[in-house]
Amino acid sequence: MITTVAMPKLSTGADEVVLVRWLRQVGEAVAADEPLAEVETDKATLEVPAPASGYVRRHLVEPGAVVAVGEPIAWLSPSPDDPLPDEAPAPVAAARAGSPRSQATAGSPAPPRVRVSPVAKKRARELGLPLVGITGSGPGGRILLRDVEAAAARTRPGAAVPSAPAASDPRPGRAVPLDRVRAAMAVRMTRSAQTIPQFSVSRDVDVTELMAWRADINRHLRPEQRLSLVDFIVQAVAQALQAHPYLNASFVGEPGQTDAAIVLHDTVNIGLATATPAGLLVPVLLNCQDQPLLALASARRAAVQRAMEGRLNSDDLEAGTFTISNLGPLGADGFTAMVNPPQAAILAVGRASERAVVRDGAVAVRTMMSLTVTADHRVVDGAAATAFLLEVARRLQTASDWILA
């Protein structure tokens, strides 16, 4: 029996993707849930899992083609000799960005199909802006929100049109187009700044004992098991979020409307802001509330490795309920991060460094670290954010709280 593989929905808002390459060729065996193909969305490169075990009998889509969710992309069969249907469709060819994928059969071109994201379509309707004529910068020429905003700016009287600096400009430079990851980050952070009322609370934490305890533990672990400081932070945050659930939440709906609500998430899925060759990505560690330190460390290393190699899946990108951004290894003493929508809070971590502090009326040298929580004020108030931060600090300073294995 032939199994038709349909393109699954791998990412929220990604109704179309670009098929980058096939990971299993015709005639090769594949097990259920093993990667079959690699696709690209506005956010990242993702893998398409095989829906069943079998042999790849035919590719219905060529690399480079734009594929809609639900569209057939391949045939599988239990054995390499099962008969194929008599009428086999020709593979969908790669389309040039911005060009229509289909033409009329009578020799005259069909009206071009406008590929547009839902949020871009809504914004264009609000602005009264026709989509035809807007050049899309997304996969396969898909029109994104930034394309609509740029087109609107060009049509407004007196609006400045972004362009490369003129030769006589005293500020010489060059325009660098946004790649897919940076473009997605620009849209997300603009949404964060424009729609989320944010505030921040900071605290310095004494991690002298924690650093000594970590060094002692690592002496007894294999190199691939050794714990980083962020592993302790993840566990402390996961435990604190269980006691302060409103920071492990999301605001949904429109403020003042009947659909507005706060969703308290049942699991703690912590995203780690990670600088990769492709830009900033946030791989997610699932179910952190149930994980001991060694398991968290293993999951962190695997998730960061997938991010660095561009192999993130949909859970890696979209399942997060809270984010940690750690710039300590890069030398930042402290900073304020922006909330990663639709999450309600994010923790910014500075570097652990020796400082002169007053303890019991005397100056002492201690290893200190700055923590700053930024929260959505529609969900969290200042007292709740401060209580959460104090709980994280307490756990980082209490060795008896650690769950190693």
Protein backbone atom coordinates (compact mmCIF):
# COMPACT_ATOMS: atom_id res chain seq x y z
CA MET A 1 0.00 0.00 0.00
CA ILE A 2 1.30 3.44 -0.95
CA THR A 3 1.49 6.08 1.80
CA THR A 4 1.27 9.66 0.58
CA VAL A 5 3.36 11.99 2.73
CA ALA A 6 1.69 15.38 3.15
CA MET A 7 3.59 18.45 4.29
CA PRO A 8 2.83 18.81 8.03
CA LYS A 9 2.38 22.12 9.82
CA LEU A 10 5.75 22.49 11.49
CA SER A 11 5.55 26.05 12.79
CA THR A 12 2.79 28.43 13.84
CA GLY A 13 2.05 30.84 11.02
CA ALA A 14 4.05 28.85 8.48
CA ASP A 15 1.40 27.91 5.90
CA GLU A 16 4.05 27.48 3.23
CA VAL A 17 7.66 26.34 3.39
CA VAL A 18 10.55 25.92 0.98
CA LEU A 19 11.78 22.35 0.55
CA VAL A 20 15.54 22.68 0.95
CA ARG A 21 16.69 19.11 0.38
CA TRP A 22 15.69 15.47 0.63
CA LEU A 23 17.34 13.55 3.46
CA ARG A 24 16.13 10.18 2.11
CA GLN A 25 16.52 9.41 -1.57
CA VAL A 26 14.26 7.25 -3.75
CA GLY A 27 14.78 3.60 -2.89
CA GLU A 28 16.12 4.26 0.62
CA ALA A 29 14.45 2.90 3.74
CA VAL A 30 13.15 5.25 6.41
CA ALA A 31 11.67 4.55 9.84
CA ALA A 32 8.63 6.33 11.25
CA ASP A 33 9.53 9.73 12.72
CA GLU A 34 12.99 9.72 11.14
CA PRO A 35 13.80 12.88 9.12
CA LEU A 36 12.66 12.62 5.53
CA ALA A 37 13.30 16.13 4.23
CA GLU A 38 14.58 19.52 5.31
CA VAL A 39 12.45 22.64 4.86
CA GLU A 40 12.86 26.33 5.58
CA THR A 41 10.35 28.69 7.18
CA ASP A 42 10.63 32.36 8.08
CA LYS A 43 12.09 31.27 11.43
CA ALA A 44 14.43 28.36 10.89
CA THR A 45 15.33 25.22 8.99
CA LEU A 46 13.22 22.27 10.16
CA GLU A 47 13.06 18.55 9.48
CA VAL A 48 9.97 16.78 8.12
CA PRO A 49 9.49 13.41 9.87
CA ALA A 50 8.35 10.31 7.99
CA PRO A 51 4.75 9.46 9.00
CA ALA A 52 5.39 5.71 8.65
CA SER A 53 8.19 3.21 8.12
CA GLY A 54 8.92 2.04 4.59
CA TYR A 55 10.81 2.85 1.43
CA VAL A 56 10.88 6.16 -0.41
CA ARG A 57 9.30 5.44 -3.79
CA ARG A 58 8.94 8.88 -5.30
CA HIS A 59 9.64 12.54 -4.54
CA LEU A 60 6.68 14.70 -5.54
CA VAL A 61 8.49 17.98 -4.84
CA GLU A 62 11.87 19.19 -6.06
CA PRO A 63 14.34 21.02 -3.79
CA GLY A 64 13.71 24.75 -3.91
CA ALA A 65 9.95 24.43 -4.43
CA VAL A 66 7.44 26.30 -2.26
CA VAL A 67 5.11 23.77 -0.61
CA ALA A 68 1.83 24.49 1.14
CA VAL A 69 0.85 22.70 4.35
CA GLY A 70 -1.11 19.56 3.43
CA GLU A 71 0.39 19.29 -0.06
CA PRO A 72 1.69 15.81 -1.05
CA ILE A 73 5.48 15.67 -1.14
CA ALA A 74 6.42 11.98 -1.39
CA TRP A 75 5.26 8.37 -1.64
CA LEU A 76 6.29 5.61 0.75
CA SER A 77 5.55 1.89 0.56
CA PRO A 78 6.17 -1.06 2.91
CA SER A 79 8.50 -2.75 0.40
CA PRO A 80 10.65 -1.44 -2.45
CA ASP A 81 8.65 -3.49 -4.98
CA ASP A 82 5.07 -2.43 -4.27
CA PRO A 83 3.39 -1.25 -7.49
CA LEU A 84 2.98 2.49 -7.88
CA PRO A 85 -0.18 4.18 -9.15
CA ASP A 86 -0.40 4.37 -12.94
CA GLU A 87 -0.92 8.11 -12.90
CA ALA A 88 2.06 9.66 -11.16
CA PRO A 89 2.13 13.44 -10.85
CA ALA A 90 5.18 15.30 -12.09
CA PRO A 91 7.31 16.63 -9.22
CA VAL A 92 6.56 20.21 -8.19
CA ALA A 93 9.44 22.21 -9.60
CA ALA A 94 11.40 24.86 -7.81
CA ALA A 95 9.83 28.28 -8.30
CA ARG A 96 11.62 31.58 -8.62
CA ALA A 97 11.02 33.85 -5.65
CA GLY A 98 8.06 36.09 -6.29
CA SER A 99 6.87 34.26 -9.43
CA PRO A 100 3.53 32.42 -9.63
CA ARG A 101 3.84 28.66 -9.25
CA SER A 102 1.23 27.77 -11.83
CA GLN A 103 0.19 28.97 -15.26
CA ALA A 104 -3.08 28.66 -17.14
CA THR A 105 -3.34 25.63 -19.37
CA ALA A 106 -4.81 27.49 -22.34
CA GLY A 107 -1.56 29.29 -23.08
CA SER A 108 -2.52 32.47 -21.23
CA PRO A 109 -1.17 33.12 -17.75
CA ALA A 110 -3.51 32.63 -14.82
CA PRO A 111 -3.90 35.42 -12.27
CA PRO A 112 -0.86 35.18 -10.02
CA ARG A 113 -1.39 33.53 -6.68
CA VAL A 114 -0.37 35.99 -3.98
CA ARG A 115 1.50 34.24 -1.19
CA VAL A 116 1.00 36.25 1.99
CA SER A 117 1.24 35.60 5.72
CA PRO A 118 -2.01 36.06 7.71
CA VAL A 119 -0.65 39.00 9.72
CA ALA A 120 0.59 40.71 6.54
CA LYS A 121 -2.79 40.18 4.88
CA LYS A 122 -4.59 41.66 7.87
CA ARG A 123 -2.27 44.69 7.97
CA ALA A 124 -2.65 45.31 4.24
CA ARG A 125 -6.44 45.24 4.65
CA GLU A 126 -6.19 47.74 7.53
CA LEU A 127 -4.09 50.06 5.38
CA GLY A 128 -6.24 49.61 2.28
CA LEU A 129 -3.15 48.46 0.43
CA PRO A 130 -3.45 46.04 -2.52
CA LEU A 131 -1.19 43.01 -2.23
CA VAL A 132 -0.59 42.79 -5.97
CA GLY A 133 2.65 44.58 -6.73
CA ILE A 134 4.21 44.09 -3.30
CA THR A 135 7.45 42.13 -3.54
CA GLY A 136 7.60 39.45 -0.87
CA SER A 137 10.82 38.71 1.00
CA GLY A 138 9.70 35.42 2.59
CA PRO A 139 10.23 31.88 1.29
CA GLY A 140 9.09 31.59 -2.32
CA GLY A 141 8.31 35.30 -2.47
CA ARG A 142 5.78 35.18 0.36
CA ILE A 143 4.67 38.64 1.47
CA LEU A 144 5.48 39.27 5.12
CA LEU A 145 4.46 42.03 7.53
CA ARG A 146 7.68 43.95 6.92
CA ASP A 147 6.97 43.98 3.16
CA VAL A 148 3.52 45.49 3.72
CA GLU A 149 4.91 48.12 6.10
CA ALA A 150 7.66 49.02 3.61
CA ALA A 151 5.12 49.34 0.77
CA ALA A 152 2.89 51.51 2.96
CA ALA A 153 5.84 53.78 3.79
CA ARG A 154 6.55 54.25 0.09
CA THR A 155 2.96 55.27 -0.62
CA ARG A 156 2.58 57.76 2.25
CA PRO A 157 3.11 61.38 1.17
CA GLY A 158 6.50 62.63 2.28
CA ALA A 159 7.55 59.23 3.58
CA ALA A 160 11.22 58.52 3.49
CA VAL A 161 12.14 55.58 1.30
CA PRO A 162 15.04 53.51 2.68
CA SER A 163 17.90 53.39 0.24
CA ALA A 164 21.62 52.87 0.11
CA PRO A 165 23.62 55.97 1.10
CA ALA A 166 24.47 58.27 -1.80
CA ALA A 167 28.07 58.75 -2.78
CA SER A 168 28.01 62.26 -1.29
CA ASP A 169 26.45 61.11 1.99
CA PRO A 170 28.84 61.92 4.87
CA ARG A 171 27.73 58.64 6.46
CA PRO A 172 28.90 56.07 3.91
CA GLY A 173 27.70 52.53 4.29
CA ARG A 174 25.90 49.69 2.62
CA ALA A 175 22.42 48.22 2.96
CA VAL A 176 22.47 44.63 4.23
CA PRO A 177 19.28 42.67 3.46
CA LEU A 178 17.85 40.75 6.41
CA ASP A 179 18.20 36.99 6.29
CA ARG A 180 15.23 34.85 7.37
CA VAL A 181 16.31 34.50 11.02
CA ARG A 182 17.08 38.18 11.55
CA ALA A 183 13.90 39.17 9.73
CA ALA A 184 11.83 36.91 11.99
CA MET A 185 13.61 38.33 15.05
CA ALA A 186 12.89 41.88 13.87
CA VAL A 187 9.18 41.12 13.54
CA ARG A 188 9.00 39.34 16.92
CA MET A 189 10.87 42.04 18.83
CA THR A 190 8.84 44.80 17.18
CA ARG A 191 5.71 42.95 18.28
CA SER A 192 7.18 42.67 21.78
CA ALA A 193 7.91 46.39 22.01
CA GLN A 194 4.61 47.53 20.48
CA THR A 195 2.13 45.18 22.17
CA ILE A 196 3.59 44.21 25.55
CA PRO A 197 3.82 46.71 28.46
CA GLN A 198 7.12 45.61 30.02
CA PHE A 199 8.97 46.34 33.25
CA SER A 200 12.13 44.92 34.80
CA VAL A 201 13.40 44.00 38.28
CA SER A 202 17.07 43.26 39.07
CA ARG A 203 19.04 41.60 41.85
CA ASP A 204 22.67 40.66 42.47
CA VAL A 205 23.11 37.07 43.65
CA ASP A 206 26.03 35.64 45.63
CA VAL A 207 27.06 32.44 43.80
CA THR A 208 30.36 31.84 45.61
CA GLU A 209 29.24 28.56 47.19
CA LEU A 210 27.47 27.48 44.01
CA MET A 211 30.64 27.91 41.92
CA ALA A 212 32.65 25.88 44.44
CA TRP A 213 30.01 23.16 44.62
CA ARG A 214 29.81 23.00 40.81
CA ALA A 215 33.60 22.65 40.52
CA ASP A 216 33.57 19.83 43.09
CA ILE A 217 30.76 17.98 41.29
CA ASN A 218 32.43 18.35 37.88
CA ARG A 219 35.61 16.71 39.18
CA HIS A 220 33.60 13.50 39.55
CA LEU A 221 31.86 13.65 36.17
CA ARG A 222 33.00 12.64 32.71
CA PRO A 223 33.86 15.64 30.47
CA GLU A 224 30.66 15.22 28.43
CA GLN A 225 28.56 15.27 31.64
CA ARG A 226 30.04 18.36 33.28
CA LEU A 227 27.63 21.04 34.37
CA SER A 228 27.69 24.65 33.27
CA LEU A 229 26.43 27.53 35.38
CA VAL A 230 23.38 27.88 33.13
CA ASP A 231 22.28 24.33 34.05
CA PHE A 232 21.90 25.42 37.69
CA ILE A 233 20.09 28.57 36.57
CA VAL A 234 17.66 26.53 34.46
CA GLN A 235 16.82 24.24 37.37
CA ALA A 236 16.45 27.14 39.81
CA VAL A 237 14.15 28.95 37.37
CA ALA A 238 12.10 25.81 36.67
CA GLN A 239 11.52 25.22 40.37
CA ALA A 240 10.75 28.88 41.06
CA LEU A 241 8.23 29.01 38.22
CA GLN A 242 6.24 26.22 39.83
CA ALA A 243 5.86 28.42 42.91
CA HIS A 244 5.14 31.52 40.79
CA PRO A 245 2.98 30.28 37.90
CA TYR A 246 2.05 33.70 36.56
CA LEU A 247 5.58 34.09 35.22
CA ASN A 248 5.11 30.80 33.35
CA ALA A 249 2.12 32.13 31.46
CA SER A 250 0.86 33.91 28.34
CA PHE A 251 -1.62 36.71 27.74
CA VAL A 252 -4.11 35.86 24.99
CA GLY A 253 -6.79 37.94 23.31
CA GLU A 254 -7.18 41.71 23.26
CA PRO A 255 -7.08 43.76 26.48
CA GLY A 256 -10.56 44.98 27.40
CA GLN A 257 -12.26 42.40 25.18
CA THR A 258 -14.17 39.31 26.29
CA ASP A 259 -11.59 37.01 24.72
CA ALA A 260 -8.76 38.33 26.94
CA ALA A 261 -7.32 35.73 29.31
CA ILE A 262 -4.14 34.60 31.06
CA VAL A 263 -3.04 31.06 30.23
CA LEU A 264 -1.08 29.37 33.05
CA HIS A 265 1.03 26.67 31.40
CA ASP A 266 1.05 23.17 32.87
CA THR A 267 4.69 22.49 32.02
CA VAL A 268 7.86 24.55 32.31
CA ASN A 269 9.51 24.71 28.89
CA ILE A 270 12.55 26.98 29.07
CA GLY A 271 13.99 28.60 25.96
CA LEU A 272 17.68 29.47 25.88
CA ALA A 273 18.53 32.50 23.73
CA THR A 274 21.47 31.25 21.64
CA ALA A 275 23.75 33.10 19.24
CA THR A 276 24.20 30.90 16.15
CA PRO A 277 25.84 31.41 12.75
CA ALA A 278 22.33 32.05 11.38
CA GLY A 279 21.47 34.63 14.08
CA LEU A 280 19.64 34.52 17.41
CA LEU A 281 17.62 31.34 17.97
CA VAL A 282 15.83 30.10 21.10
CA PRO A 283 15.91 26.29 21.43
CA VAL A 284 13.56 24.99 24.12
CA LEU A 285 14.14 22.50 26.94
CA LEU A 286 10.86 20.67 27.57
CA ASN A 287 9.41 19.68 30.96
CA CYS A 288 12.21 21.27 32.98
CA GLN A 289 10.14 21.01 36.17
CA ASP A 290 10.74 17.25 36.22
CA GLN A 291 14.41 17.15 35.23
CA PRO A 292 17.48 16.63 37.46
CA LEU A 293 20.65 18.57 36.70
CA LEU A 294 22.40 15.89 34.66
CA ALA A 295 19.34 15.43 32.44
CA LEU A 296 18.94 19.20 32.01
CA ALA A 297 22.61 19.53 31.06
CA SER A 298 22.29 16.75 28.48
CA ALA A 299 19.13 18.30 27.00
CA ARG A 300 20.76 21.74 26.91
CA ARG A 301 23.82 20.50 25.04
CA ALA A 302 21.66 18.65 22.50
CA ALA A 303 19.34 21.63 21.93
CA VAL A 304 22.18 24.12 21.51
CA GLN A 305 23.94 21.74 19.11
CA ARG A 306 20.78 21.47 17.00
CA ALA A 307 20.51 25.25 16.96
CA MET A 308 24.13 25.68 15.89
CA GLU A 309 23.63 23.15 13.09
CA GLY A 310 20.26 24.56 11.97
CA ARG A 311 18.35 21.38 12.86
CA LEU A 312 15.67 22.76 15.16
CA ASN A 313 12.19 21.23 15.13
CA SER A 314 8.84 22.87 15.85
CA ASP A 315 8.97 22.12 19.61
CA ASP A 316 12.45 23.68 19.71
CA LEU A 317 11.04 26.92 18.35
CA GLU A 318 7.49 27.26 19.62
CA ALA A 319 6.92 25.29 22.83
CA GLY A 320 8.70 27.68 25.20
CA THR A 321 6.88 29.11 28.22
CA PHE A 322 9.80 31.15 29.64
CA THR A 323 13.15 32.33 28.24
CA ILE A 324 16.64 32.74 29.72
CA SER A 325 19.11 35.03 27.97
CA ASN A 326 22.67 34.61 29.27
CA LEU A 327 25.28 37.12 28.10
CA GLY A 328 27.61 36.38 31.00
CA PRO A 329 29.98 34.22 28.91
CA LEU A 330 30.33 37.17 26.50
CA GLY A 331 31.38 39.50 29.30
CA ALA A 332 28.18 41.42 30.05
CA ASP A 333 27.91 42.37 33.74
CA GLY A 334 24.16 42.85 33.43
CA PHE A 335 21.48 43.81 30.92
CA THR A 336 17.73 43.95 30.32
CA ALA A 337 16.13 41.54 27.84
CA MET A 338 12.85 41.95 25.94
CA VAL A 339 9.95 39.59 26.57
CA ASN A 340 9.71 36.86 23.92
CA PRO A 341 6.02 36.80 22.90
CA PRO A 342 3.69 35.10 23.68
CA GLN A 343 5.58 34.37 26.92
CA ALA A 344 5.04 36.56 29.97
CA ALA A 345 8.63 36.87 31.24
CA ILE A 346 12.33 36.51 30.44
CA LEU A 347 15.41 36.33 32.68
CA ALA A 348 18.63 38.14 31.72
CA VAL A 349 21.83 36.73 33.26
CA GLY A 350 25.08 38.64 33.58
CA ARG A 351 28.55 37.23 34.21
CA ALA A 352 29.65 35.74 37.51
CA SER A 353 32.62 37.80 38.70
CA GLU A 354 34.48 38.59 41.90
CA ARG A 355 33.38 41.81 43.60
CA ALA A 356 34.00 43.52 46.90
CA VAL A 357 30.81 43.32 48.97
CA VAL A 358 29.90 44.01 52.58
CA ARG A 359 29.04 40.90 54.61
CA ASP A 360 28.41 40.98 58.35
CA GLY A 361 29.82 44.50 58.53
CA ALA A 362 33.09 43.66 56.76
CA VAL A 363 34.27 43.91 53.15
CA ALA A 364 34.68 40.52 51.51
CA VAL A 365 35.46 39.29 48.00
CA ARG A 366 32.53 37.22 46.69
CA THR A 367 31.48 35.86 43.31
CA MET A 368 28.39 37.81 42.32
CA MET A 369 26.00 37.56 39.37
CA SER A 370 23.35 40.01 38.18
CA LEU A 371 19.85 38.72 37.33
CA THR A 372 17.14 40.84 35.70
CA VAL A 373 13.61 39.60 35.07
CA THR A 374 11.50 41.47 32.52
CA ALA A 375 7.77 40.76 32.60
CA ASP A 376 4.51 41.47 30.80
CA HIS A 377 2.65 43.89 33.08
CA ARG A 378 -0.69 42.58 31.79
CA VAL A 379 0.11 39.28 33.52
CA VAL A 380 2.62 40.04 36.28
CA ASP A 381 2.90 42.91 38.75
CA GLY A 382 6.07 44.18 40.42
CA ALA A 383 5.54 42.27 43.65
CA ALA A 384 5.12 38.95 41.84
CA ALA A 385 8.19 39.52 39.65
CA THR A 386 10.27 40.43 42.70
CA ALA A 387 9.08 37.38 44.63
CA PHE A 388 10.02 35.14 41.71
CA LEU A 389 13.47 36.72 41.44
CA LEU A 390 14.05 36.29 45.18
CA GLU A 391 13.08 32.62 44.89
CA VAL A 392 15.54 32.08 42.02
CA ALA A 393 18.27 33.82 44.04
CA ARG A 394 17.51 31.74 47.14
CA ARG A 395 17.77 28.51 45.19
CA LEU A 396 21.04 29.54 43.56
CA GLN A 397 22.45 30.18 47.03
CA THR A 398 21.17 26.97 48.66
CA ALA A 399 23.14 23.85 47.74
CA SER A 400 20.66 21.54 49.49
CA ASP A 401 18.02 22.37 46.86
CA TRP A 402 19.92 20.89 43.92
CA ILE A 403 18.61 17.69 42.32
CA LEU A 404 21.63 16.14 40.61
CA ALA A 405 20.26 12.88 39.19
